[in-house]
């Protein structure tokens, strides 16, 4: 950031990590609202979902930086056995399968996720989206 060495951004445990720049340099570029000093790590830290806005800000200001935060890595999920659907979730899945479309509205804890996973595994649709929404009685 001072022209001698570029800002370095990496990914660490769900956050962005930036080592090197002083507080004056960071606040000069980002203001005091973007990065948060983490004394344990001796580095600047911020939530990973802010990567795009930070990256855009640096690009717009034509500042030298290097980043390893956007490097994709393969995620290997171990095999997961889905639970057998019983009761209402079974009926919901059957109706969805028959129509090949629909909206699943069920109370919390009644199996929306299991229905969505089952439909996805059975390739009932190109995309099955389960939106888990907490509804209040306001």
C-alpha atoms as a PDB file:
ATOM      1  CA  UNK A   1       0.000   0.000   0.000  1.00  0.00           C
ATOM      2  CA  UNK A   2       2.951   2.256   0.548  1.00  0.00           C
ATOM      3  CA  UNK A   3       4.420   1.202  -2.792  1.00  0.00           C
ATOM      4  CA  UNK A   4       7.067  -1.028  -1.197  1.00  0.00           C
ATOM      5  CA  UNK A   5       5.002  -4.168  -0.761  1.00  0.00           C
ATOM      6  CA  UNK A   6       1.468  -4.885  -1.886  1.00  0.00           C
ATOM      7  CA  UNK A   7      -1.360  -5.583   0.480  1.00  0.00           C
ATOM      8  CA  UNK A   8      -1.761  -9.331   0.904  1.00  0.00           C
ATOM      9  CA  UNK A   9      -5.230 -10.798   1.374  1.00  0.00           C
ATOM     10  CA  UNK A  10      -5.797 -14.425   2.292  1.00  0.00           C
ATOM     11  CA  UNK A  11      -8.656 -16.552   3.528  1.00  0.00           C
ATOM     12  CA  UNK A  12      -8.628 -17.949   7.061  1.00  0.00           C
ATOM     13  CA  UNK A  13     -11.449 -19.750   8.886  1.00  0.00           C
ATOM     14  CA  UNK A  14     -14.320 -17.886   7.238  1.00  0.00           C
ATOM     15  CA  UNK A  15     -12.636 -14.509   7.261  1.00  0.00           C
ATOM     16  CA  UNK A  16     -10.311 -12.434   5.143  1.00  0.00           C
ATOM     17  CA  UNK A  17      -6.898 -11.869   6.644  1.00  0.00           C
ATOM     18  CA  UNK A  18      -4.551  -9.053   5.681  1.00  0.00           C
ATOM     19  CA  UNK A  19      -1.040  -8.776   7.020  1.00  0.00           C
ATOM     20  CA  UNK A  20       1.436  -5.982   6.675  1.00  0.00           C
ATOM     21  CA  UNK A  21      -0.182  -2.575   6.411  1.00  0.00           C
ATOM     22  CA  UNK A  22      -0.123  -0.151   9.325  1.00  0.00           C
ATOM     23  CA  UNK A  23      -3.283   1.299  10.851  1.00  0.00           C
ATOM     24  CA  UNK A  24      -2.583   4.634   9.158  1.00  0.00           C
ATOM     25  CA  UNK A  25      -2.260   2.946   5.749  1.00  0.00           C
ATOM     26  CA  UNK A  26      -5.412   0.873   6.215  1.00  0.00           C
ATOM     27  CA  UNK A  27      -7.516   3.791   7.412  1.00  0.00           C
ATOM     28  CA  UNK A  28      -6.087   5.973   4.631  1.00  0.00           C
ATOM     29  CA  UNK A  29      -7.353   3.562   1.987  1.00  0.00           C
ATOM     30  CA  UNK A  30     -10.445   2.014   3.545  1.00  0.00           C
ATOM     31  CA  UNK A  31     -11.489   4.406   6.304  1.00  0.00           C
ATOM     32  CA  UNK A  32     -12.008   2.909   9.727  1.00  0.00           C
ATOM     33  CA  UNK A  33     -14.996   0.715   8.872  1.00  0.00           C
ATOM     34  CA  UNK A  34     -13.597  -2.003   6.606  1.00  0.00           C
ATOM     35  CA  UNK A  35     -10.817  -3.923   8.369  1.00  0.00           C
ATOM     36  CA  UNK A  36     -10.711  -4.797  12.068  1.00  0.00           C
ATOM     37  CA  UNK A  37      -7.392  -5.321  13.850  1.00  0.00           C
ATOM     38  CA  UNK A  38      -7.052  -8.806  15.344  1.00  0.00           C
ATOM     39  CA  UNK A  39      -4.352  -8.688  18.019  1.00  0.00           C
ATOM     40  CA  UNK A  40      -4.219 -12.480  18.400  1.00  0.00           C
ATOM     41  CA  UNK A  41      -3.402 -12.961  14.706  1.00  0.00           C
ATOM     42  CA  UNK A  42      -1.454  -9.682  14.490  1.00  0.00           C
ATOM     43  CA  UNK A  43      -3.324  -8.960  11.268  1.00  0.00           C
ATOM     44  CA  UNK A  44      -6.352  -7.185   9.871  1.00  0.00           C
ATOM     45  CA  UNK A  45      -9.455  -9.329   9.595  1.00  0.00           C
ATOM     46  CA  UNK A  46     -12.919  -9.057   8.037  1.00  0.00           C
ATOM     47  CA  UNK A  47     -15.825 -11.350   7.140  1.00  0.00           C
ATOM     48  CA  UNK A  48     -15.172 -13.280   3.930  1.00  0.00           C
ATOM     49  CA  UNK A  49     -18.434 -12.128   2.321  1.00  0.00           C
ATOM     50  CA  UNK A  50     -16.855  -8.654   2.046  1.00  0.00           C
ATOM     51  CA  UNK A  51     -14.178  -9.926  -0.352  1.00  0.00           C
ATOM     52  CA  UNK A  52     -15.804  -8.571  -3.497  1.00  0.00           C
ATOM     53  CA  UNK A  53     -16.296  -5.052  -2.132  1.00  0.00           C
ATOM     54  CA  UNK A  54     -12.729  -4.919  -0.776  1.00  0.00           C
ATOM     55  CA  UNK A  55     -11.337  -6.289  -4.051  1.00  0.00           C
ATOM     56  CA  UNK A  56     -13.364  -3.717  -6.039  1.00  0.00           C
ATOM     57  CA  UNK A  57     -12.219  -0.880  -3.776  1.00  0.00           C
ATOM     58  CA  UNK A  58      -8.555  -1.796  -4.277  1.00  0.00           C
ATOM     59  CA  UNK A  59      -8.989  -2.176  -8.039  1.00  0.00           C
ATOM     60  CA  UNK A  60     -10.775   1.192  -8.355  1.00  0.00           C
ATOM     61  CA  UNK A  61      -7.984   2.920  -6.430  1.00  0.00           C
ATOM     62  CA  UNK A  62      -5.365   1.162  -8.585  1.00  0.00           C
ATOM     63  CA  UNK A  63      -3.549  -0.125  -5.513  1.00  0.00           C
ATOM     64  CA  UNK A  64      -1.102  -3.012  -5.722  1.00  0.00           C
ATOM     65  CA  UNK A  65      -2.283  -6.078  -3.840  1.00  0.00           C
ATOM     66  CA  UNK A  66      -2.015  -9.806  -3.952  1.00  0.00           C
ATOM     67  CA  UNK A  67      -4.709 -12.178  -2.850  1.00  0.00           C
ATOM     68  CA  UNK A  68      -5.074 -15.858  -2.260  1.00  0.00           C
ATOM     69  CA  UNK A  69      -8.626 -15.575  -0.933  1.00  0.00           C
ATOM     70  CA  UNK A  70     -10.357 -16.403  -4.210  1.00  0.00           C
ATOM     71  CA  UNK A  71      -8.394 -19.586  -4.914  1.00  0.00           C
ATOM     72  CA  UNK A  72     -10.892 -22.421  -5.199  1.00  0.00           C
ATOM     73  CA  UNK A  73     -10.215 -25.700  -3.513  1.00  0.00           C
ATOM     74  CA  UNK A  74     -12.021 -28.966  -4.014  1.00  0.00           C
ATOM     75  CA  UNK A  75     -14.440 -29.878  -1.287  1.00  0.00           C
ATOM     76  CA  UNK A  76     -14.947 -33.568  -0.805  1.00  0.00           C
ATOM     77  CA  UNK A  77     -18.065 -34.428   1.145  1.00  0.00           C
ATOM     78  CA  UNK A  78     -18.087 -37.777   2.755  1.00  0.00           C
ATOM     79  CA  UNK A  79     -21.034 -39.971   1.910  1.00  0.00           C
ATOM     80  CA  UNK A  80     -24.155 -38.952   3.733  1.00  0.00           C
ATOM     81  CA  UNK A  81     -27.082 -41.267   4.164  1.00  0.00           C
ATOM     82  CA  UNK A  82     -30.386 -39.483   3.946  1.00  0.00           C
ATOM     83  CA  UNK A  83     -33.020 -40.343   6.500  1.00  0.00           C
ATOM     84  CA  UNK A  84     -36.113 -42.156   5.294  1.00  0.00           C
ATOM     85  CA  UNK A  85     -38.984 -39.752   4.829  1.00  0.00           C
ATOM     86  CA  UNK A  86     -42.026 -40.544   6.937  1.00  0.00           C
ATOM     87  CA  UNK A  87     -45.461 -39.025   7.248  1.00  0.00           C
ATOM     88  CA  UNK A  88     -46.056 -35.578   5.812  1.00  0.00           C
ATOM     89  CA  UNK A  89     -42.598 -35.165   4.211  1.00  0.00           C
ATOM     90  CA  UNK A  90     -43.289 -38.345   2.205  1.00  0.00           C
ATOM     91  CA  UNK A  91     -46.562 -36.875   0.908  1.00  0.00           C
ATOM     92  CA  UNK A  92     -44.888 -33.574   0.085  1.00  0.00           C
ATOM     93  CA  UNK A  93     -42.136 -35.329  -1.885  1.00  0.00           C
ATOM     94  CA  UNK A  94     -44.675 -37.470  -3.787  1.00  0.00           C
ATOM     95  CA  UNK A  95     -46.740 -34.420  -4.791  1.00  0.00           C
ATOM     96  CA  UNK A  96     -43.637 -32.471  -5.803  1.00  0.00           C
ATOM     97  CA  UNK A  97     -42.332 -35.424  -7.791  1.00  0.00           C
ATOM     98  CA  UNK A  98     -45.661 -35.806  -9.592  1.00  0.00           C
ATOM     99  CA  UNK A  99     -45.879 -32.112 -10.534  1.00  0.00           C
ATOM    100  CA  UNK A 100     -42.096 -31.662 -11.034  1.00  0.00           C
ATOM    101  CA  UNK A 101     -42.455 -28.265  -9.380  1.00  0.00           C
ATOM    102  CA  UNK A 102     -43.900 -26.552  -6.379  1.00  0.00           C
ATOM    103  CA  UNK A 103     -43.277 -24.650  -3.203  1.00  0.00           C
ATOM    104  CA  UNK A 104     -42.729 -26.542   0.025  1.00  0.00           C
ATOM    105  CA  UNK A 105     -44.165 -24.750   3.038  1.00  0.00           C
ATOM    106  CA  UNK A 106     -43.856 -26.676   6.270  1.00  0.00           C
ATOM    107  CA  UNK A 107     -43.361 -25.679   9.915  1.00  0.00           C
ATOM    108  CA  UNK A 108     -39.905 -25.540  11.443  1.00  0.00           C
ATOM    109  CA  UNK A 109     -38.405 -28.933  12.175  1.00  0.00           C
ATOM    110  CA  UNK A 110     -40.786 -30.992  10.040  1.00  0.00           C
ATOM    111  CA  UNK A 111     -38.398 -32.032   7.275  1.00  0.00           C
ATOM    112  CA  UNK A 112     -38.149 -29.353   4.561  1.00  0.00           C
ATOM    113  CA  UNK A 113     -34.419 -29.900   4.214  1.00  0.00           C
ATOM    114  CA  UNK A 114     -34.793 -33.675   4.035  1.00  0.00           C
ATOM    115  CA  UNK A 115     -37.471 -33.306   1.340  1.00  0.00           C
ATOM    116  CA  UNK A 116     -35.218 -30.980  -0.684  1.00  0.00           C
ATOM    117  CA  UNK A 117     -32.202 -33.282  -0.328  1.00  0.00           C
ATOM    118  CA  UNK A 118     -34.258 -36.330  -1.312  1.00  0.00           C
ATOM    119  CA  UNK A 119     -35.673 -34.569  -4.391  1.00  0.00           C
ATOM    120  CA  UNK A 120     -32.223 -33.354  -5.363  1.00  0.00           C
ATOM    121  CA  UNK A 121     -30.722 -36.813  -4.971  1.00  0.00           C
ATOM    122  CA  UNK A 122     -33.494 -38.329  -7.060  1.00  0.00           C
ATOM    123  CA  UNK A 123     -32.815 -35.618  -9.620  1.00  0.00           C
ATOM    124  CA  UNK A 124     -36.426 -34.508  -9.550  1.00  0.00           C
ATOM    125  CA  UNK A 125     -35.388 -31.123 -10.851  1.00  0.00           C
ATOM    126  CA  UNK A 126     -32.320 -29.411 -12.153  1.00  0.00           C
ATOM    127  CA  UNK A 127     -32.374 -27.278  -9.067  1.00  0.00           C
ATOM    128  CA  UNK A 128     -34.158 -27.767  -5.813  1.00  0.00           C
ATOM    129  CA  UNK A 129     -34.001 -24.772  -3.575  1.00  0.00           C
ATOM    130  CA  UNK A 130     -34.975 -25.116   0.036  1.00  0.00           C
ATOM    131  CA  UNK A 131     -35.590 -21.789   1.635  1.00  0.00           C
ATOM    132  CA  UNK A 132     -35.853 -22.232   5.338  1.00  0.00           C
ATOM    133  CA  UNK A 133     -37.821 -19.319   6.680  1.00  0.00           C
ATOM    134  CA  UNK A 134     -38.769 -18.593  10.226  1.00  0.00           C
ATOM    135  CA  UNK A 135     -42.318 -17.306  10.285  1.00  0.00           C
ATOM    136  CA  UNK A 136     -43.577 -15.426  13.290  1.00  0.00           C
ATOM    137  CA  UNK A 137     -47.180 -14.845  14.248  1.00  0.00           C
ATOM    138  CA  UNK A 138     -46.913 -11.066  14.259  1.00  0.00           C
END
